[in-house]
Amino acid sequence: MKFFDGRSFWIWHDGATKTTSQAGEYAVLVRHFELEHLEEARLECAVSADAEYQLFCNGSFVGSGPVRGDNELCYYDVYDLKQ
């Protein structure tokens, strides 16, 4: 599956800029969505971060990371949220 097709982007809080120091900061980022026909749906989530993340789905811990990369290559973790 191709996750990054030009619709993916880094997210952070509205007050952040590229010049804002974010060392020691954290944010809780929430996304709400509903799926119809869940039995037929493919529900995978690709996640990365430049520091740390913890992923929860419906209040349950799914995973944490990120897989380490460098300035040239950004890795990501893929989670099956149907499990």
Protein backbone atom coordinates (compact mmCIF):
# COMPACT_ATOMS: atom_id res chain seq x y z
CA MET A 1 0.00 0.00 0.00
CA LYS A 2 1.31 3.45 -0.86
CA PHE A 3 0.81 5.67 2.18
CA PHE A 4 2.49 8.88 1.15
CA ASP A 5 0.82 10.02 -2.04
CA GLY A 6 1.12 13.78 -1.62
CA ARG A 7 -1.72 14.06 0.91
CA SER A 8 0.46 13.39 3.96
CA PHE A 9 1.98 16.19 6.01
CA TRP A 10 3.63 16.89 9.34
CA ILE A 11 1.26 18.13 12.04
CA TRP A 12 1.82 20.21 15.16
CA HIS A 13 -0.14 22.80 17.10
CA ASP A 14 -1.27 26.04 15.42
CA GLY A 15 1.18 28.32 17.25
CA ALA A 16 4.31 26.47 16.07
CA THR A 17 6.59 27.75 13.33
CA LYS A 18 9.78 26.37 11.84
CA THR A 19 11.78 28.80 13.99
CA THR A 20 9.92 28.00 17.22
CA SER A 21 11.94 25.85 19.61
CA GLN A 22 9.90 22.81 20.53
CA ALA A 23 12.41 21.07 22.78
CA GLY A 24 10.67 19.64 25.81
CA GLU A 25 7.21 20.33 24.43
CA TYR A 26 4.56 17.75 23.75
CA ALA A 27 1.09 17.83 22.28
CA VAL A 28 -1.97 15.62 22.28
CA LEU A 29 -3.18 15.45 18.69
CA VAL A 30 -6.61 13.89 18.20
CA ARG A 31 -8.35 12.80 15.03
CA HIS A 32 -11.97 11.64 15.08
CA PHE A 33 -13.45 9.65 12.23
CA GLU A 34 -16.14 7.08 11.61
CA LEU A 35 -16.04 4.15 9.23
CA GLU A 36 -18.97 2.51 7.56
CA HIS A 37 -18.69 -1.16 6.67
CA LEU A 38 -15.73 -1.72 9.00
CA GLU A 39 -15.69 -5.43 8.20
CA GLU A 40 -14.71 -4.61 4.60
CA ALA A 41 -12.45 -1.66 5.34
CA ARG A 42 -8.67 -1.74 5.43
CA LEU A 43 -7.60 0.29 8.43
CA GLU A 44 -3.85 0.86 8.54
CA CYS A 45 -2.10 3.88 9.96
CA ALA A 46 1.41 5.04 9.02
CA VAL A 47 3.05 7.15 11.73
CA SER A 48 6.37 8.91 12.15
CA ALA A 49 7.74 11.73 14.25
CA ASP A 50 10.91 13.73 14.54
CA ALA A 51 11.02 13.05 18.28
CA GLU A 52 8.62 10.61 19.97
CA TYR A 53 5.05 9.49 19.59
CA GLN A 54 2.53 7.23 21.25
CA LEU A 55 -0.45 6.04 19.21
CA PHE A 56 -3.80 5.23 20.83
CA CYS A 57 -6.97 4.07 19.09
CA ASN A 58 -10.29 4.18 20.97
CA GLY A 59 -8.36 4.67 24.21
CA SER A 60 -6.13 1.61 23.74
CA PHE A 61 -2.36 1.84 23.28
CA VAL A 62 -1.32 0.74 19.79
CA GLY A 63 2.39 1.55 19.58
CA SER A 64 5.17 4.09 19.99
CA GLY A 65 8.22 5.26 18.13
CA PRO A 66 9.53 6.48 15.81
CA VAL A 67 11.82 4.21 13.91
CA ARG A 68 15.00 6.29 13.76
CA GLY A 69 16.00 7.92 10.50
CA ASP A 70 18.22 10.84 9.56
CA ASN A 71 18.05 14.09 7.57
CA GLU A 72 18.04 12.18 4.29
CA LEU A 73 15.58 9.40 5.09
CA CYS A 74 12.44 9.33 7.24
CA TYR A 75 11.14 5.95 8.34
CA TYR A 76 7.63 5.25 9.54
CA ASP A 77 5.76 2.58 11.44
CA VAL A 78 2.61 0.94 10.09
CA TYR A 79 -0.13 -0.24 12.43
CA ASP A 80 -3.19 -2.35 11.63
CA LEU A 81 -5.93 -0.64 13.63
CA LYS A 82 -8.46 -3.42 13.04
CA GLN A 83 -6.63 -5.79 15.41
